[in-house]
Amino acid sequence: MAAMTCKGCPLGDVCFQSVIEHPSPVHAGSYLVRQGEVFESIAMIRSGTVKTYSVDHLGREVILGFHLPGDFIGLGAMDEGRHSCSAVALDTVTVCRLPVRAAAEVVARDPALLSKLVKLMSREVARITRLSHRQRADERLAAFLIGMAERMAAGGFSPRRWQLPMSRMDIASYLHLAPETLSRMFRRFQQDGLLAIDGRAVEVRELDRLLALSRLPGPGAT
């Protein structure tokens, strides 16, 4: 997946290049942050894919989300000052970091930044909510795939063909499905002509039918 450019950054017209840090790329399996760490910076993903997860009281990993170029890591820690989840790279990831010590200065210079950060947090909450309200396995998977299509389109890529950067096990955890149930749903979607899947390569063949199954509002709906 291509890297996010400064021009395509979700913060767009908010220019704070002088305080942005550009750390070295991290590779698959490496952590950007760990659950419980002190909140020190907000990171914008320039390239690669990151998964966030928390560990419950039984020591089980619970997948919270998948983050693509243009997404931000760490916004949820702004309130309590510590990260409530871990963020780990699924492939080679590059980020831009805005240190907390510089954030107040930037917001003072441009109050619009705070509003944009709040909107980004709201977008993450909406992404989680749209899945949590769906009880059936096929609805959850359809909503997840529609979400991927929308995010690909927003990044300038094809909404119909892409590579899944995450494993089937991670998708199953995220959707609160047994791995066997997820595999069965993928097979059914292929048999019904909704998808074509080759390894991690996905082709959406019936976008409208997939949207109807997901029970998500279509483009332009309010």
C-alpha atoms as a PDB file:
ATOM      1  CA  MET A   1       0.000   0.000   0.000  1.00  0.00           C
ATOM      2  CA  ALA A   2       1.352   3.414  -0.967  1.00  0.00           C
ATOM      3  CA  ALA A   3       2.516   5.852   1.692  1.00  0.00           C
ATOM      4  CA  MET A   4       0.325   8.715   2.846  1.00  0.00           C
ATOM      5  CA  THR A   5       1.719  12.027   1.587  1.00  0.00           C
ATOM      6  CA  CYS A   6       1.735  15.287   3.549  1.00  0.00           C
ATOM      7  CA  LYS A   7      -0.807  16.621   1.073  1.00  0.00           C
ATOM      8  CA  GLY A   8      -3.082  13.665   1.795  1.00  0.00           C
ATOM      9  CA  CYS A   9      -2.694  13.842   5.580  1.00  0.00           C
ATOM     10  CA  PRO A  10      -6.092  13.984   7.358  1.00  0.00           C
ATOM     11  CA  LEU A  11      -4.949  17.124   9.158  1.00  0.00           C
ATOM     12  CA  GLY A  12      -4.313  18.681   5.762  1.00  0.00           C
ATOM     13  CA  ASP A  13      -3.932  22.407   6.220  1.00  0.00           C
ATOM     14  CA  VAL A  14      -2.573  22.160   9.776  1.00  0.00           C
ATOM     15  CA  CYS A  15       1.162  22.545   9.231  1.00  0.00           C
ATOM     16  CA  PHE A  16       3.436  21.675  12.128  1.00  0.00           C
ATOM     17  CA  GLN A  17       6.329  20.080  10.268  1.00  0.00           C
ATOM     18  CA  SER A  18       8.870  21.759  12.541  1.00  0.00           C
ATOM     19  CA  VAL A  19       7.723  19.747  15.588  1.00  0.00           C
ATOM     20  CA  ILE A  20       6.998  16.469  13.827  1.00  0.00           C
ATOM     21  CA  GLU A  21       9.342  13.534  14.456  1.00  0.00           C
ATOM     22  CA  HIS A  22      10.129  10.945  11.774  1.00  0.00           C
ATOM     23  CA  PRO A  23      11.314   7.764  13.540  1.00  0.00           C
ATOM     24  CA  SER A  24      12.863   4.843  11.661  1.00  0.00           C
ATOM     25  CA  PRO A  25      10.446   2.313  10.104  1.00  0.00           C
ATOM     26  CA  VAL A  26       9.260  -0.532  12.316  1.00  0.00           C
ATOM     27  CA  HIS A  27       8.787  -4.028  10.950  1.00  0.00           C
ATOM     28  CA  ALA A  28       6.148  -6.722  11.323  1.00  0.00           C
ATOM     29  CA  GLY A  29       5.728  -7.768  14.935  1.00  0.00           C
ATOM     30  CA  SER A  30       7.323  -4.611  16.348  1.00  0.00           C
ATOM     31  CA  TYR A  31       5.407  -2.429  18.803  1.00  0.00           C
ATOM     32  CA  LEU A  32       4.619   1.230  18.293  1.00  0.00           C
ATOM     33  CA  VAL A  33       3.174   1.450  21.808  1.00  0.00           C
ATOM     34  CA  ARG A  34       2.370  -1.039  24.552  1.00  0.00           C
ATOM     35  CA  GLN A  35      -0.674  -1.210  26.777  1.00  0.00           C
ATOM     36  CA  GLY A  36      -0.073   0.782  29.967  1.00  0.00           C
ATOM     37  CA  GLU A  37       2.736   2.961  28.599  1.00  0.00           C
ATOM     38  CA  VAL A  38       2.718   6.685  29.312  1.00  0.00           C
ATOM     39  CA  PHE A  39       1.154   8.745  26.526  1.00  0.00           C
ATOM     40  CA  GLU A  40       4.002  10.678  24.925  1.00  0.00           C
ATOM     41  CA  SER A  41       2.959  11.260  21.318  1.00  0.00           C
ATOM     42  CA  ILE A  42       0.313  10.907  18.642  1.00  0.00           C
ATOM     43  CA  ALA A  43       1.429   8.932  15.591  1.00  0.00           C
ATOM     44  CA  MET A  44       0.034   9.234  12.066  1.00  0.00           C
ATOM     45  CA  ILE A  45       0.610   6.168   9.887  1.00  0.00           C
ATOM     46  CA  ARG A  46       2.350   7.076   6.626  1.00  0.00           C
ATOM     47  CA  SER A  47       2.683   3.539   5.287  1.00  0.00           C
ATOM     48  CA  GLY A  48       1.886   0.015   6.411  1.00  0.00           C
ATOM     49  CA  THR A  49      -0.784  -1.453   8.661  1.00  0.00           C
ATOM     50  CA  VAL A  50      -1.077  -1.519  12.446  1.00  0.00           C
ATOM     51  CA  LYS A  51      -3.359  -3.544  14.679  1.00  0.00           C
ATOM     52  CA  THR A  52      -4.384  -2.417  18.140  1.00  0.00           C
ATOM     53  CA  TYR A  53      -5.330  -4.836  20.873  1.00  0.00           C
ATOM     54  CA  SER A  54      -5.778  -5.080  24.615  1.00  0.00           C
ATOM     55  CA  VAL A  55      -5.197  -8.003  26.961  1.00  0.00           C
ATOM     56  CA  ASP A  56      -8.160  -8.940  29.156  1.00  0.00           C
ATOM     57  CA  HIS A  57      -8.073 -10.198  32.737  1.00  0.00           C
ATOM     58  CA  LEU A  58      -7.651 -13.771  31.484  1.00  0.00           C
ATOM     59  CA  GLY A  59      -4.601 -12.842  29.433  1.00  0.00           C
ATOM     60  CA  ARG A  60      -6.429 -13.098  26.111  1.00  0.00           C
ATOM     61  CA  GLU A  61      -5.639 -10.779  23.216  1.00  0.00           C
ATOM     62  CA  VAL A  62      -8.688  -8.808  22.068  1.00  0.00           C
ATOM     63  CA  ILE A  63      -8.299  -7.108  18.681  1.00  0.00           C
ATOM     64  CA  LEU A  64      -9.667  -3.553  18.784  1.00  0.00           C
ATOM     65  CA  GLY A  65      -8.914  -2.308  15.299  1.00  0.00           C
ATOM     66  CA  PHE A  66      -6.785  -2.190  12.166  1.00  0.00           C
ATOM     67  CA  HIS A  67      -5.155   1.067  11.119  1.00  0.00           C
ATOM     68  CA  LEU A  68      -4.091   2.072   7.609  1.00  0.00           C
ATOM     69  CA  PRO A  69      -2.149   5.022   6.134  1.00  0.00           C
ATOM     70  CA  GLY A  70      -3.768   8.256   7.271  1.00  0.00           C
ATOM     71  CA  ASP A  71      -4.989   6.787  10.563  1.00  0.00           C
ATOM     72  CA  PHE A  72      -3.766   7.977  13.941  1.00  0.00           C
ATOM     73  CA  ILE A  73      -2.438   5.922  16.844  1.00  0.00           C
ATOM     74  CA  GLY A  74      -2.644   7.135  20.433  1.00  0.00           C
ATOM     75  CA  LEU A  75      -5.654   9.448  20.354  1.00  0.00           C
ATOM     76  CA  GLY A  76      -7.490   7.310  22.900  1.00  0.00           C
ATOM     77  CA  ALA A  77      -4.745   7.904  25.474  1.00  0.00           C
ATOM     78  CA  MET A  78      -5.157  11.674  25.521  1.00  0.00           C
ATOM     79  CA  ASP A  79      -7.615  11.632  28.434  1.00  0.00           C
ATOM     80  CA  GLU A  80      -5.991   9.278  30.955  1.00  0.00           C
ATOM     81  CA  GLY A  81      -2.385   9.831  29.905  1.00  0.00           C
ATOM     82  CA  ARG A  82      -1.660   6.125  29.372  1.00  0.00           C
ATOM     83  CA  HIS A  83      -2.271   3.821  26.446  1.00  0.00           C
ATOM     84  CA  SER A  84      -5.182   1.465  27.062  1.00  0.00           C
ATOM     85  CA  CYS A  85      -4.079  -0.838  24.251  1.00  0.00           C
ATOM     86  CA  SER A  86      -0.994  -1.994  22.375  1.00  0.00           C
ATOM     87  CA  ALA A  87      -0.254  -1.144  18.741  1.00  0.00           C
ATOM     88  CA  VAL A  88       1.847  -3.575  16.705  1.00  0.00           C
ATOM     89  CA  ALA A  89       2.971  -3.429  13.066  1.00  0.00           C
ATOM     90  CA  LEU A  90       1.533  -6.041  10.700  1.00  0.00           C
ATOM     91  CA  ASP A  91       4.125  -5.181   8.039  1.00  0.00           C
ATOM     92  CA  THR A  92       6.749  -2.458   7.598  1.00  0.00           C
ATOM     93  CA  VAL A  93       5.273   0.721   9.064  1.00  0.00           C
ATOM     94  CA  THR A  94       6.429   4.332   8.946  1.00  0.00           C
ATOM     95  CA  VAL A  95       4.836   7.063  11.040  1.00  0.00           C
ATOM     96  CA  CYS A  96       4.988  10.763  11.764  1.00  0.00           C
ATOM     97  CA  ARG A  97       4.903  11.580  15.489  1.00  0.00           C
ATOM     98  CA  LEU A  98       3.579  14.683  17.221  1.00  0.00           C
ATOM     99  CA  PRO A  99       5.067  14.720  20.764  1.00  0.00           C
ATOM    100  CA  VAL A 100       2.679  15.614  23.574  1.00  0.00           C
ATOM    101  CA  ARG A 101       5.077  18.326  24.755  1.00  0.00           C
ATOM    102  CA  ALA A 102       4.637  20.073  21.403  1.00  0.00           C
ATOM    103  CA  ALA A 103       0.909  19.427  20.972  1.00  0.00           C
ATOM    104  CA  ALA A 104      -0.176  22.229  23.345  1.00  0.00           C
ATOM    105  CA  GLU A 105       2.014  24.681  21.450  1.00  0.00           C
ATOM    106  CA  VAL A 106       0.564  23.577  18.131  1.00  0.00           C
ATOM    107  CA  VAL A 107      -3.035  23.799  19.378  1.00  0.00           C
ATOM    108  CA  ALA A 108      -2.332  27.283  20.746  1.00  0.00           C
ATOM    109  CA  ARG A 109      -1.115  28.330  17.295  1.00  0.00           C
ATOM    110  CA  ASP A 110      -4.026  26.685  15.516  1.00  0.00           C
ATOM    111  CA  PRO A 111      -7.086  25.841  17.686  1.00  0.00           C
ATOM    112  CA  ALA A 112      -8.617  24.041  14.691  1.00  0.00           C
ATOM    113  CA  LEU A 113      -6.205  21.170  15.342  1.00  0.00           C
ATOM    114  CA  LEU A 114      -8.032  20.174  18.539  1.00  0.00           C
ATOM    115  CA  SER A 115     -11.334  20.040  16.690  1.00  0.00           C
ATOM    116  CA  LYS A 116      -9.805  17.846  13.997  1.00  0.00           C
ATOM    117  CA  LEU A 117      -8.324  15.466  16.566  1.00  0.00           C
ATOM    118  CA  VAL A 118     -11.734  15.125  18.222  1.00  0.00           C
ATOM    119  CA  LYS A 119     -13.298  14.330  14.841  1.00  0.00           C
ATOM    120  CA  LEU A 120     -10.673  11.651  14.245  1.00  0.00           C
ATOM    121  CA  MET A 121     -11.468  10.094  17.630  1.00  0.00           C
ATOM    122  CA  SER A 122     -15.182  10.162  16.779  1.00  0.00           C
ATOM    123  CA  ARG A 123     -14.470   8.395  13.503  1.00  0.00           C
ATOM    124  CA  GLU A 124     -12.758   5.565  15.387  1.00  0.00           C
ATOM    125  CA  VAL A 125     -15.700   5.234  17.780  1.00  0.00           C
ATOM    126  CA  ALA A 126     -18.138   5.141  14.849  1.00  0.00           C
ATOM    127  CA  ARG A 127     -16.080   2.430  13.172  1.00  0.00           C
ATOM    128  CA  ILE A 128     -16.331   0.218  16.256  1.00  0.00           C
ATOM    129  CA  THR A 129     -20.016   0.971  16.826  1.00  0.00           C
ATOM    130  CA  ARG A 130     -21.065   0.051  13.312  1.00  0.00           C
ATOM    131  CA  LEU A 131     -19.797  -3.504  13.928  1.00  0.00           C
ATOM    132  CA  SER A 132     -21.008  -3.921  17.507  1.00  0.00           C
ATOM    133  CA  HIS A 133     -24.666  -3.465  16.520  1.00  0.00           C
ATOM    134  CA  ARG A 134     -24.577  -6.393  14.107  1.00  0.00           C
ATOM    135  CA  GLN A 135     -25.474  -9.740  15.637  1.00  0.00           C
ATOM    136  CA  ARG A 136     -25.214 -12.113  12.678  1.00  0.00           C
ATOM    137  CA  ALA A 137     -21.819 -13.340  11.517  1.00  0.00           C
ATOM    138  CA  ASP A 138     -22.514 -12.548   7.859  1.00  0.00           C
ATOM    139  CA  GLU A 139     -23.567  -8.981   8.722  1.00  0.00           C
ATOM    140  CA  ARG A 140     -20.388  -8.391  10.722  1.00  0.00           C
ATOM    141  CA  LEU A 141     -18.149  -9.703   7.963  1.00  0.00           C
ATOM    142  CA  ALA A 142     -20.021  -7.704   5.316  1.00  0.00           C
ATOM    143  CA  ALA A 143     -19.725  -4.528   7.423  1.00  0.00           C
ATOM    144  CA  PHE A 144     -15.999  -5.153   7.885  1.00  0.00           C
ATOM    145  CA  LEU A 145     -15.462  -5.615   4.138  1.00  0.00           C
ATOM    146  CA  ILE A 146     -17.511  -2.525   3.290  1.00  0.00           C
ATOM    147  CA  GLY A 147     -15.431  -0.588   5.810  1.00  0.00           C
ATOM    148  CA  MET A 148     -12.247  -1.789   4.117  1.00  0.00           C
ATOM    149  CA  ALA A 149     -13.630  -0.802   0.708  1.00  0.00           C
ATOM    150  CA  GLU A 150     -14.485   2.686   1.991  1.00  0.00           C
ATOM    151  CA  ARG A 151     -11.051   3.154   3.543  1.00  0.00           C
ATOM    152  CA  MET A 152      -9.319   1.986   0.375  1.00  0.00           C
ATOM    153  CA  ALA A 153     -11.373   4.418  -1.695  1.00  0.00           C
ATOM    154  CA  ALA A 154     -10.597   7.256   0.744  1.00  0.00           C
ATOM    155  CA  GLY A 155      -6.892   6.512   0.311  1.00  0.00           C
ATOM    156  CA  GLY A 156      -7.131   6.693  -3.473  1.00  0.00           C
ATOM    157  CA  PHE A 157      -7.105   2.930  -4.044  1.00  0.00           C
ATOM    158  CA  SER A 158      -9.603   0.594  -5.673  1.00  0.00           C
ATOM    159  CA  PRO A 159     -12.569  -0.159  -3.387  1.00  0.00           C
ATOM    160  CA  ARG A 160     -13.019  -3.480  -5.157  1.00  0.00           C
ATOM    161  CA  ARG A 161      -9.554  -5.064  -5.096  1.00  0.00           C
ATOM    162  CA  TRP A 162      -7.070  -5.085  -2.252  1.00  0.00           C
ATOM    163  CA  GLN A 163      -4.811  -7.234  -0.104  1.00  0.00           C
ATOM    164  CA  LEU A 164      -5.932  -8.014   3.431  1.00  0.00           C
ATOM    165  CA  PRO A 165      -2.921  -6.992   5.556  1.00  0.00           C
ATOM    166  CA  MET A 166      -4.220  -8.828   8.621  1.00  0.00           C
ATOM    167  CA  SER A 167      -4.525 -12.571   9.270  1.00  0.00           C
ATOM    168  CA  ARG A 168      -7.798 -14.504   9.324  1.00  0.00           C
ATOM    169  CA  MET A 169      -7.235 -15.142  13.042  1.00  0.00           C
ATOM    170  CA  ASP A 170      -6.998 -11.398  13.703  1.00  0.00           C
ATOM    171  CA  ILE A 171     -10.130 -10.684  11.654  1.00  0.00           C
ATOM    172  CA  ALA A 172     -12.024 -13.381  13.555  1.00  0.00           C
ATOM    173  CA  SER A 173     -10.942 -11.877  16.882  1.00  0.00           C
ATOM    174  CA  TYR A 174     -11.914  -8.386  15.767  1.00  0.00           C
ATOM    175  CA  LEU A 175     -15.368  -9.539  14.629  1.00  0.00           C
ATOM    176  CA  HIS A 176     -15.844 -11.732  17.737  1.00  0.00           C
ATOM    177  CA  LEU A 177     -16.214 -14.836  15.599  1.00  0.00           C
ATOM    178  CA  ALA A 178     -14.715 -18.293  15.827  1.00  0.00           C
ATOM    179  CA  PRO A 179     -12.063 -18.792  13.104  1.00  0.00           C
ATOM    180  CA  GLU A 180     -14.145 -21.662  11.695  1.00  0.00           C
ATOM    181  CA  THR A 181     -17.190 -19.393  11.436  1.00  0.00           C
ATOM    182  CA  LEU A 182     -15.179 -16.733   9.608  1.00  0.00           C
ATOM    183  CA  SER A 183     -13.825 -19.304   7.125  1.00  0.00           C
ATOM    184  CA  ARG A 184     -17.355 -20.573   6.533  1.00  0.00           C
ATOM    185  CA  MET A 185     -18.621 -17.051   5.901  1.00  0.00           C
ATOM    186  CA  PHE A 186     -15.810 -16.322   3.432  1.00  0.00           C
ATOM    187  CA  ARG A 187     -16.641 -19.536   1.550  1.00  0.00           C
ATOM    188  CA  ARG A 188     -20.308 -18.641   1.466  1.00  0.00           C
ATOM    189  CA  PHE A 189     -19.600 -15.134   0.184  1.00  0.00           C
ATOM    190  CA  GLN A 190     -17.523 -16.648  -2.615  1.00  0.00           C
ATOM    191  CA  GLN A 191     -20.176 -19.215  -3.474  1.00  0.00           C
ATOM    192  CA  ASP A 192     -22.813 -16.453  -3.566  1.00  0.00           C
ATOM    193  CA  GLY A 193     -20.665 -14.428  -5.969  1.00  0.00           C
ATOM    194  CA  LEU A 194     -20.049 -11.541  -3.554  1.00  0.00           C
ATOM    195  CA  LEU A 195     -16.277 -12.025  -3.405  1.00  0.00           C
ATOM    196  CA  ALA A 196     -13.331 -13.724  -5.052  1.00  0.00           C
ATOM    197  CA  ILE A 197     -10.510 -14.568  -2.631  1.00  0.00           C
ATOM    198  CA  ASP A 198      -7.020 -15.798  -3.393  1.00  0.00           C
ATOM    199  CA  GLY A 199      -4.964 -15.996  -0.211  1.00  0.00           C
ATOM    200  CA  ARG A 200      -5.157 -12.465   1.185  1.00  0.00           C
ATOM    201  CA  ALA A 201      -6.189 -10.939  -2.147  1.00  0.00           C
ATOM    202  CA  VAL A 202      -9.842  -9.863  -2.119  1.00  0.00           C
ATOM    203  CA  GLU A 203     -11.988  -8.845  -5.061  1.00  0.00           C
ATOM    204  CA  VAL A 204     -15.446  -7.468  -4.304  1.00  0.00           C
ATOM    205  CA  ARG A 205     -17.699  -8.540  -7.164  1.00  0.00           C
ATOM    206  CA  GLU A 206     -21.106  -7.453  -5.845  1.00  0.00           C
ATOM    207  CA  LEU A 207     -20.572  -4.260  -3.863  1.00  0.00           C
ATOM    208  CA  ASP A 208     -24.271  -3.343  -3.716  1.00  0.00           C
ATOM    209  CA  ARG A 209     -25.289  -6.769  -2.445  1.00  0.00           C
ATOM    210  CA  LEU A 210     -22.495  -6.693   0.126  1.00  0.00           C
ATOM    211  CA  LEU A 211     -23.659  -3.251   1.273  1.00  0.00           C
ATOM    212  CA  ALA A 212     -27.249  -4.497   1.604  1.00  0.00           C
ATOM    213  CA  LEU A 213     -26.083  -7.485   3.666  1.00  0.00           C
ATOM    214  CA  SER A 214     -24.044  -5.231   5.956  1.00  0.00           C
ATOM    215  CA  ARG A 215     -27.129  -3.083   6.722  1.00  0.00           C
ATOM    216  CA  LEU A 216     -24.923   0.019   6.508  1.00  0.00           C
ATOM    217  CA  PRO A 217     -26.253   3.232   4.930  1.00  0.00           C
ATOM    218  CA  GLY A 218     -25.214   3.746   1.334  1.00  0.00           C
ATOM    219  CA  PRO A 219     -23.309   6.763  -0.028  1.00  0.00           C
ATOM    220  CA  GLY A 220     -25.124  10.008   0.649  1.00  0.00           C
ATOM    221  CA  ALA A 221     -27.370   8.499   3.333  1.00  0.00           C
ATOM    222  CA  THR A 222     -27.883  10.429   6.548  1.00  0.00           C
END
